[in-house]
Amino acid sequence: AWFVLRQGVRTTGFAAVPQVIQTVLKARDSERVLVVWQWYWLDGATATNALAVKWLGVRGQLRQRGNAGASVITYVVLNREEEEASAGPQLDGFLRAFAPTLHAQFAASVAH
């Protein structure tokens, strides 16, 4: 089982990603840690907390657009907690490369 060591937020600066996303540091044992970045996509909008997601779902229903959405989770498994700083550049690179495509795919799936 993974145990939460720390939770927080991170500023991203990417167009297809919310300006602030959730971050979690989890540990499985003394040798491995998991750095997780997460946000939600709903009806073309992004959010980082459950209340905002619920609001976006209600808004979609009121607009008769439905409430299709996705929880987007990116993560890196590291061998030692000391390597935690290396997760940022790895995840940044992934987001820079793939977030626009992910969000385009989400939007296309809702359009059908």
C-alpha atoms as a PDB file:
ATOM      1  CA  ALA A   1       0.000   0.000   0.000  1.00  0.00           C
ATOM      2  CA  TRP A   2       1.089   3.581  -0.658  1.00  0.00           C
ATOM      3  CA  PHE A   3       0.942   6.116   2.183  1.00  0.00           C
ATOM      4  CA  VAL A   4       0.482   9.867   1.698  1.00  0.00           C
ATOM      5  CA  LEU A   5       3.483  11.795   2.987  1.00  0.00           C
ATOM      6  CA  ARG A   6       2.573  15.246   1.728  1.00  0.00           C
ATOM      7  CA  GLN A   7      -0.124  17.009  -0.313  1.00  0.00           C
ATOM      8  CA  GLY A   8      -0.002  20.409  -1.926  1.00  0.00           C
ATOM      9  CA  VAL A   9      -0.431  22.411  -5.098  1.00  0.00           C
ATOM     10  CA  ARG A  10       1.898  23.395  -7.908  1.00  0.00           C
ATOM     11  CA  THR A  11       1.765  26.223 -10.449  1.00  0.00           C
ATOM     12  CA  THR A  12       2.112  24.878 -13.986  1.00  0.00           C
ATOM     13  CA  GLY A  13       2.075  27.615 -16.616  1.00  0.00           C
ATOM     14  CA  PHE A  14       0.840  25.289 -19.394  1.00  0.00           C
ATOM     15  CA  ALA A  15      -2.160  26.300 -21.524  1.00  0.00           C
ATOM     16  CA  ALA A  16      -3.892  22.891 -21.526  1.00  0.00           C
ATOM     17  CA  VAL A  17      -3.407  22.370 -17.790  1.00  0.00           C
ATOM     18  CA  PRO A  18      -4.911  24.370 -14.908  1.00  0.00           C
ATOM     19  CA  GLN A  19      -2.603  27.063 -13.572  1.00  0.00           C
ATOM     20  CA  VAL A  20      -2.596  25.242 -10.229  1.00  0.00           C
ATOM     21  CA  ILE A  21      -2.746  21.440  -9.924  1.00  0.00           C
ATOM     22  CA  GLN A  22      -2.834  19.038  -6.986  1.00  0.00           C
ATOM     23  CA  THR A  23       0.378  17.319  -5.958  1.00  0.00           C
ATOM     24  CA  VAL A  24       0.823  14.302  -3.709  1.00  0.00           C
ATOM     25  CA  LEU A  25       3.938  12.565  -2.433  1.00  0.00           C
ATOM     26  CA  LYS A  26       3.335   8.949  -1.459  1.00  0.00           C
ATOM     27  CA  ALA A  27       5.673   6.302  -0.075  1.00  0.00           C
ATOM     28  CA  ARG A  28       5.497   2.560  -0.291  1.00  0.00           C
ATOM     29  CA  ASP A  29       8.570   1.860   1.807  1.00  0.00           C
ATOM     30  CA  SER A  30      11.812   3.638   2.680  1.00  0.00           C
ATOM     31  CA  GLU A  31      13.207   3.044  -0.805  1.00  0.00           C
ATOM     32  CA  ARG A  32      10.411   4.151  -3.152  1.00  0.00           C
ATOM     33  CA  VAL A  33       8.264   7.264  -3.451  1.00  0.00           C
ATOM     34  CA  LEU A  34       5.534   8.255  -5.893  1.00  0.00           C
ATOM     35  CA  VAL A  35       5.115  11.872  -7.024  1.00  0.00           C
ATOM     36  CA  VAL A  36       1.591  12.461  -8.372  1.00  0.00           C
ATOM     37  CA  TRP A  37       0.140  15.475 -10.191  1.00  0.00           C
ATOM     38  CA  GLN A  38      -3.623  15.554 -10.726  1.00  0.00           C
ATOM     39  CA  TRP A  39      -6.423  17.684 -12.136  1.00  0.00           C
ATOM     40  CA  TYR A  40      -9.875  17.198 -13.633  1.00  0.00           C
ATOM     41  CA  TRP A  41     -11.253  17.947 -17.081  1.00  0.00           C
ATOM     42  CA  LEU A  42     -14.998  18.484 -17.492  1.00  0.00           C
ATOM     43  CA  ASP A  43     -16.786  19.840 -20.570  1.00  0.00           C
ATOM     44  CA  GLY A  44     -13.782  21.815 -21.816  1.00  0.00           C
ATOM     45  CA  ALA A  45     -12.875  23.267 -18.427  1.00  0.00           C
ATOM     46  CA  THR A  46     -10.273  22.173 -15.890  1.00  0.00           C
ATOM     47  CA  ALA A  47     -10.387  22.088 -12.103  1.00  0.00           C
ATOM     48  CA  THR A  48      -8.237  20.892  -9.241  1.00  0.00           C
ATOM     49  CA  ASN A  49     -10.705  20.290  -6.444  1.00  0.00           C
ATOM     50  CA  ALA A  50     -13.841  18.205  -5.934  1.00  0.00           C
ATOM     51  CA  LEU A  51     -16.184  21.160  -5.342  1.00  0.00           C
ATOM     52  CA  ALA A  52     -15.192  22.809  -8.620  1.00  0.00           C
ATOM     53  CA  VAL A  53     -15.692  19.493 -10.432  1.00  0.00           C
ATOM     54  CA  LYS A  54     -19.190  19.167  -9.012  1.00  0.00           C
ATOM     55  CA  TRP A  55     -19.978  22.727 -10.104  1.00  0.00           C
ATOM     56  CA  LEU A  56     -18.708  22.026 -13.644  1.00  0.00           C
ATOM     57  CA  GLY A  57     -20.887  18.900 -13.783  1.00  0.00           C
ATOM     58  CA  VAL A  58     -23.978  20.846 -12.717  1.00  0.00           C
ATOM     59  CA  ARG A  59     -23.160  23.597 -15.219  1.00  0.00           C
ATOM     60  CA  GLY A  60     -22.873  21.015 -18.009  1.00  0.00           C
ATOM     61  CA  GLN A  61     -26.213  19.500 -17.064  1.00  0.00           C
ATOM     62  CA  LEU A  62     -27.895  22.926 -16.998  1.00  0.00           C
ATOM     63  CA  ARG A  63     -26.492  23.674 -20.443  1.00  0.00           C
ATOM     64  CA  GLN A  64     -27.736  20.252 -21.582  1.00  0.00           C
ATOM     65  CA  ARG A  65     -24.199  19.288 -22.546  1.00  0.00           C
ATOM     66  CA  GLY A  66     -23.886  16.397 -20.106  1.00  0.00           C
ATOM     67  CA  ASN A  67     -21.164  15.996 -17.540  1.00  0.00           C
ATOM     68  CA  ALA A  68     -18.535  13.854 -19.271  1.00  0.00           C
ATOM     69  CA  GLY A  69     -15.149  14.304 -17.701  1.00  0.00           C
ATOM     70  CA  ALA A  70     -11.812  12.830 -16.785  1.00  0.00           C
ATOM     71  CA  SER A  71      -9.493  12.731 -13.833  1.00  0.00           C
ATOM     72  CA  VAL A  72      -6.004  13.312 -15.212  1.00  0.00           C
ATOM     73  CA  ILE A  73      -3.230  11.737 -13.154  1.00  0.00           C
ATOM     74  CA  THR A  74       0.458  11.852 -13.999  1.00  0.00           C
ATOM     75  CA  TYR A  75       3.090  10.305 -11.783  1.00  0.00           C
ATOM     76  CA  VAL A  76       6.715   9.284 -11.432  1.00  0.00           C
ATOM     77  CA  VAL A  77       8.010   6.469  -9.226  1.00  0.00           C
ATOM     78  CA  LEU A  78      11.347   7.326  -7.660  1.00  0.00           C
ATOM     79  CA  ASN A  79      13.821   5.072  -5.886  1.00  0.00           C
ATOM     80  CA  ARG A  80      14.639   7.430  -3.037  1.00  0.00           C
ATOM     81  CA  GLU A  81      12.921  10.425  -1.487  1.00  0.00           C
ATOM     82  CA  GLU A  82      16.075  12.444  -2.161  1.00  0.00           C
ATOM     83  CA  GLU A  83      15.258  12.225  -5.877  1.00  0.00           C
ATOM     84  CA  GLU A  84      11.926  14.001  -5.439  1.00  0.00           C
ATOM     85  CA  ALA A  85      13.253  17.165  -7.109  1.00  0.00           C
ATOM     86  CA  SER A  86      13.891  15.202 -10.314  1.00  0.00           C
ATOM     87  CA  ALA A  87      10.168  14.441 -10.663  1.00  0.00           C
ATOM     88  CA  GLY A  88       9.296  18.063 -11.518  1.00  0.00           C
ATOM     89  CA  PRO A  89      11.261  18.233 -14.774  1.00  0.00           C
ATOM     90  CA  GLN A  90      10.081  14.751 -15.795  1.00  0.00           C
ATOM     91  CA  LEU A  91       6.422  15.578 -15.232  1.00  0.00           C
ATOM     92  CA  ASP A  92       6.800  19.057 -16.772  1.00  0.00           C
ATOM     93  CA  GLY A  93       8.221  17.467 -19.923  1.00  0.00           C
ATOM     94  CA  PHE A  94       5.369  14.989 -20.094  1.00  0.00           C
ATOM     95  CA  LEU A  95       2.743  17.705 -19.653  1.00  0.00           C
ATOM     96  CA  ARG A  96       4.367  19.975 -22.210  1.00  0.00           C
ATOM     97  CA  ALA A  97       4.387  17.127 -24.749  1.00  0.00           C
ATOM     98  CA  PHE A  98       1.044  15.439 -24.101  1.00  0.00           C
ATOM     99  CA  ALA A  99      -1.430  17.690 -22.240  1.00  0.00           C
ATOM    100  CA  PRO A 100      -2.663  19.536 -25.362  1.00  0.00           C
ATOM    101  CA  THR A 101      -3.290  16.201 -27.116  1.00  0.00           C
ATOM    102  CA  LEU A 102      -5.057  14.749 -24.063  1.00  0.00           C
ATOM    103  CA  HIS A 103      -7.395  17.699 -23.787  1.00  0.00           C
ATOM    104  CA  ALA A 104      -8.089  17.655 -27.537  1.00  0.00           C
ATOM    105  CA  GLN A 105      -9.002  13.959 -27.232  1.00  0.00           C
ATOM    106  CA  PHE A 106     -11.311  14.708 -24.303  1.00  0.00           C
ATOM    107  CA  ALA A 107     -13.043  17.472 -26.242  1.00  0.00           C
ATOM    108  CA  ALA A 108     -13.431  15.263 -29.330  1.00  0.00           C
ATOM    109  CA  SER A 109     -14.985  12.458 -27.283  1.00  0.00           C
ATOM    110  CA  VAL A 110     -17.588  14.806 -25.824  1.00  0.00           C
ATOM    111  CA  ALA A 111     -18.435  16.238 -29.259  1.00  0.00           C
ATOM    112  CA  HIS A 112     -19.583  12.808 -30.537  1.00  0.00           C
END
